[in-house]
Protein backbone atom coordinates (compact mmCIF):
# COMPACT_ATOMS: atom_id res chain seq x y z
CA MET A 1 15.88 37.91 7.58
CA ILE A 2 13.92 34.69 7.07
CA LYS A 3 16.17 32.09 5.24
CA LYS A 4 14.57 28.75 3.43
CA ILE A 5 16.57 25.71 4.09
CA ARG A 6 15.66 22.95 1.77
CA LEU A 7 16.59 19.75 3.74
CA SER A 8 15.78 17.91 0.81
CA ALA A 9 18.66 18.78 -1.09
CA ASP A 10 21.09 17.48 1.24
CA ILE A 11 19.53 14.11 1.03
CA PHE A 12 19.51 13.59 -2.44
CA ARG A 13 23.11 15.00 -2.70
CA ASP A 14 24.54 12.67 -0.11
CA ASN A 15 22.39 9.93 -1.67
CA ASP A 16 24.00 10.67 -5.34
CA ARG A 17 27.54 10.48 -3.94
CA GLU A 18 27.03 7.33 -2.54
CA ALA A 19 25.07 5.93 -5.69
CA GLY A 20 27.92 6.84 -7.36
CA LYS A 21 30.10 4.97 -5.26
CA ASN A 22 27.65 1.85 -6.22
CA ARG A 23 27.90 2.02 -9.62
CA ARG A 24 31.59 2.12 -9.81
CA LEU A 25 31.64 -0.46 -7.18
CA PHE A 26 28.76 -2.94 -9.92
CA LYS A 27 30.57 -1.51 -13.04
CA LYS A 28 34.00 -3.06 -11.53
CA ALA A 29 32.81 -6.81 -10.65
CA GLY A 30 30.82 -6.59 -14.16
CA VAL A 31 27.44 -7.42 -12.22
CA PHE A 32 23.98 -5.69 -13.91
CA VAL A 33 21.83 -4.12 -11.48
CA VAL A 34 17.92 -3.26 -11.56
CA ASN A 35 15.73 -1.28 -9.68
CA LEU A 36 12.28 -2.74 -9.94
CA MET A 37 9.80 -0.07 -8.28
CA GLY A 38 5.95 -0.75 -8.37
CA SER A 39 3.13 -0.96 -5.24
CA PRO A 40 2.31 -3.82 -2.89
CA GLY A 41 0.76 -6.50 -4.43
CA CYS A 42 1.70 -5.60 -8.09
CA GLY A 43 3.55 -8.87 -8.52
CA LYS A 44 6.98 -7.82 -8.24
CA THR A 45 7.89 -10.54 -5.79
CA THR A 46 6.01 -13.33 -8.04
CA LEU A 47 8.16 -11.88 -11.13
CA ILE A 48 11.04 -12.49 -9.58
CA GLU A 49 10.40 -16.26 -8.77
CA ASN A 50 9.84 -17.12 -12.51
CA LEU A 51 12.80 -14.70 -13.81
CA ALA A 52 14.80 -17.22 -11.27
CA LYS A 53 12.97 -20.27 -13.07
CA ASN A 54 14.25 -18.63 -16.28
CA TYR A 55 17.83 -18.37 -15.55
CA LYS A 56 18.63 -20.97 -13.40
CA GLY A 57 21.65 -22.86 -14.74
CA LYS A 58 22.38 -19.44 -17.29
CA ILE A 59 22.51 -16.61 -15.52
CA ARG A 60 23.80 -16.23 -11.48
CA LEU A 61 20.52 -14.44 -10.32
CA ALA A 62 20.69 -12.13 -6.79
CA VAL A 63 18.02 -10.45 -5.43
CA ILE A 64 18.52 -7.31 -2.45
CA GLU A 65 14.87 -7.59 -0.79
CA GLY A 66 13.47 -3.95 0.41
CA ASP A 67 10.92 -4.27 2.49
CA ILE A 68 9.68 -2.41 5.92
CA ALA A 69 8.86 -5.19 7.81
CA THR A 70 8.67 -9.15 7.81
CA GLY A 71 11.36 -11.24 5.69
CA LYS A 72 7.89 -12.97 3.87
CA ASP A 73 9.45 -11.80 0.42
CA ALA A 74 12.83 -12.48 0.84
CA GLN A 75 11.80 -16.18 2.19
CA ARG A 76 10.00 -17.10 -1.24
CA ILE A 77 12.53 -15.84 -3.02
CA ALA A 78 15.19 -18.08 -0.95
CA LYS A 79 12.79 -20.54 -1.89
CA ALA A 80 13.61 -20.25 -5.63
CA GLY A 81 17.02 -21.10 -4.76
CA VAL A 82 17.87 -17.30 -5.14
CA PRO A 83 20.69 -15.84 -3.20
CA VAL A 84 18.89 -12.77 -1.31
CA SER A 85 19.68 -10.05 1.14
CA LEU A 86 17.44 -8.77 3.28
CA LEU A 87 16.71 -4.57 4.24
CA ASN A 88 14.27 -3.89 6.52
CA THR A 89 13.78 -0.30 6.74
CA ASP A 90 11.44 -0.59 10.03
CA GLN A 91 14.82 -0.35 11.71
CA VAL A 92 15.82 3.10 10.15
CA GLY A 93 12.40 4.87 10.69
CA ASN A 94 9.80 3.15 8.76
CA ALA A 95 11.74 4.36 5.32
CA CYS A 96 9.47 4.65 2.46
CA HIS A 97 12.36 4.22 -0.03
CA LEU A 98 15.58 2.40 0.04
CA SER A 99 18.89 4.37 -0.56
CA SER A 100 22.16 4.27 -1.75
CA LYS A 101 24.26 3.01 1.30
CA MET A 102 21.59 0.19 2.47
CA ILE A 103 21.98 -0.77 -1.02
CA ARG A 104 26.06 -1.21 -0.82
CA LYS A 105 25.62 -2.75 3.07
CA ALA A 106 23.02 -5.15 1.15
CA TYR A 107 25.39 -5.80 -1.73
CA GLU A 108 27.83 -6.81 0.66
CA LYS A 109 26.51 -9.75 1.81
CA ILE A 110 25.66 -11.39 -1.57
CA ARG A 111 28.89 -10.31 -3.29
CA ASN A 112 30.44 -13.49 -3.00
CA THR A 113 27.73 -15.61 -4.88
CA LYS A 114 29.37 -13.82 -8.57
CA PRO A 115 25.97 -12.07 -9.49
CA GLU A 116 25.90 -11.57 -12.94
CA ILE A 117 22.54 -9.54 -12.35
CA ILE A 118 20.73 -8.04 -9.14
CA ILE A 119 17.77 -7.43 -8.80
CA ILE A 120 16.90 -4.72 -5.96
CA GLU A 121 13.28 -5.27 -4.97
CA ASN A 122 11.91 -1.66 -3.83
CA ILE A 123 9.76 -1.03 -0.96
CA GLY A 124 6.38 -1.08 -2.16
CA ASN A 125 5.41 2.29 -3.27
CA LEU A 126 4.68 4.95 -6.00
CA ILE A 127 6.42 7.85 -4.92
CA CYS A 128 9.44 7.65 -2.48
CA PRO A 129 11.71 5.29 -4.43
CA ALA A 130 11.14 7.40 -7.81
CA ASP A 131 13.61 9.96 -6.26
CA PHE A 132 16.13 8.03 -5.32
CA ASP A 133 19.15 7.06 -7.49
CA LEU A 134 20.57 3.66 -5.92
CA GLY A 135 23.27 3.00 -8.81
CA GLU A 136 21.38 0.74 -10.80
CA ASN A 137 21.78 0.49 -14.36
CA LEU A 138 18.41 -0.06 -15.22
CA ARG A 139 15.19 1.36 -13.44
CA VAL A 140 11.80 -0.82 -14.30
CA SER A 141 8.28 0.04 -12.83
CA MET A 142 5.79 -1.93 -12.66
CA VAL A 143 1.87 -1.59 -12.55
CA SER A 144 -0.99 -4.12 -12.16
CA ILE A 145 -4.40 -4.10 -13.64
CA THR A 146 -6.28 -4.20 -10.73
CA GLU A 147 -4.73 -0.95 -9.40
CA GLY A 148 -6.76 0.86 -12.04
CA ASP A 149 -5.97 2.51 -15.35
CA ASP A 150 -4.93 5.75 -13.55
CA LYS A 151 -1.65 5.44 -12.02
CA VAL A 152 0.64 6.47 -14.47
CA SER A 153 -1.29 10.15 -15.12
CA LYS A 154 -1.56 9.92 -10.98
CA TYR A 155 2.27 9.21 -10.32
CA PRO A 156 4.29 10.06 -13.15
CA PRO A 157 7.83 10.39 -11.44
CA MET A 158 7.69 6.69 -11.24
CA PHE A 159 7.41 6.36 -14.82
CA VAL A 160 9.05 8.94 -16.43
CA ASN A 161 12.23 7.96 -15.16
CA ALA A 162 12.24 4.37 -16.01
CA GLU A 163 13.40 2.19 -19.21
CA ALA A 164 11.02 -0.44 -19.07
CA VAL A 165 7.10 -0.16 -17.53
CA ILE A 166 5.39 -3.65 -16.83
CA LEU A 167 1.62 -3.93 -16.63
CA SER A 168 1.09 -7.22 -14.79
CA LYS A 169 -1.70 -9.44 -14.47
CA ILE A 170 -2.82 -8.90 -17.77
CA ASP A 171 -5.08 -11.89 -18.52
CA ILE A 172 -7.41 -10.18 -15.43
CA ILE A 173 -7.89 -7.42 -17.33
CA LYS A 174 -11.51 -8.16 -18.86
CA HIS A 175 -13.00 -8.42 -15.40
CA PHE A 176 -12.17 -4.60 -14.93
CA LYS A 177 -12.62 -1.20 -16.34
CA TYR A 178 -9.53 -0.36 -17.89
CA ASN A 179 -8.29 1.37 -20.65
CA LEU A 180 -4.94 -0.46 -22.09
CA LYS A 181 -4.99 2.30 -24.55
CA PHE A 182 -5.28 5.36 -22.58
CA VAL A 183 -2.39 3.76 -20.08
CA ARG A 184 0.22 3.23 -23.55
CA LYS A 185 -0.50 6.71 -24.40
CA GLU A 186 0.30 8.10 -20.89
CA ILE A 187 3.56 6.08 -20.77
CA LYS A 188 4.36 7.07 -23.96
CA ARG A 189 3.40 10.50 -23.09
CA LEU A 190 5.55 10.97 -20.03
CA ASN A 191 8.54 8.45 -21.52
CA PRO A 192 8.64 8.21 -25.42
CA ASN A 193 11.27 5.95 -24.97
CA ALA A 194 10.32 3.62 -22.00
CA GLU A 195 9.80 -0.21 -23.28
CA ILE A 196 6.15 -1.92 -22.30
CA PHE A 197 5.71 -5.35 -21.28
CA GLU A 198 2.65 -6.49 -20.74
CA ILE A 199 2.70 -9.58 -18.59
CA SER A 200 0.52 -12.49 -17.85
CA LEU A 201 2.59 -15.36 -15.24
CA LYS A 202 -0.26 -17.71 -17.05
CA ASN A 203 1.78 -16.72 -20.88
CA LYS A 204 4.89 -17.73 -20.33
CA HIS A 205 5.74 -15.97 -23.90
CA SER A 206 4.78 -12.49 -22.01
CA LEU A 207 7.38 -12.94 -19.51
CA LYS A 208 10.40 -14.62 -21.60
CA PHE A 209 10.10 -10.57 -23.79
CA PHE A 210 10.48 -9.50 -20.61
CA SER A 211 13.17 -12.10 -19.58
CA ASP A 212 15.15 -11.63 -22.35
CA PHE A 213 15.13 -7.92 -22.44
CA LEU A 214 17.11 -8.15 -19.50
CA ILE A 215 19.78 -9.92 -20.35
CA ASN A 216 20.20 -7.80 -23.79
CA LYS A 217 20.32 -4.88 -22.22
CA ARG A 218 23.01 -6.88 -19.24
CA THR A 219 24.90 -7.72 -22.44
CA THR A 220 24.30 -4.24 -24.47
CA THR A 221 24.28 -1.66 -22.72
CA ASN A 222 26.98 0.98 -22.48
CA THR A 223 25.97 3.48 -20.31
CA ILE A 224 24.74 3.50 -16.85
CA TYR A 225 21.87 4.79 -15.29
CA ARG A 226 21.67 8.12 -13.80
CA LEU A 227 18.57 10.61 -12.31
CA THR A 228 17.80 13.41 -15.16
């Protein structure tokens, strides 16, 4: 008799158990954790830099920076005056995602800064990170106009569990064959409750909408995010 063993089941089970530990730890510390996911180049680091400006003197922000190699993005965030803990996955087999255990180790390096909001900048990838619960309160998926209008349809797991979806670089949409109406419709088809933010860093109002959204979620959320 031949038996098939799903190795992924154990991987997810272990990760979910560790995510639960993170969740309890974050709740006890009173920190609101955001899992920010998206492709390389969609603007995640730039978004964080600008949020740091908005929150300066108002909200204690910290970042857990995930990258396969180098600390370039972490250096940019540190330069913006934000405590940052770097996770390079090339030290664990070039993993295409962050795990709950990694997050807890990274948090220990910044917990003494007493952050009120932690943003996890996940590995640049529209596939792997979607499957891993990190113990976060909020999932945000980000996709740029330059990536084309088919990405939401092609990578549904990345968007179906996100509470917010950011469409970035909206100011250059006129230079691309991009069907914004179709993308909005696809997001709502996959995730009717998702908040959609169309952001241009040249438009301070568009960034403020998302910045205020995070603060509001931190102060009003009574439930903790879990993968369905």
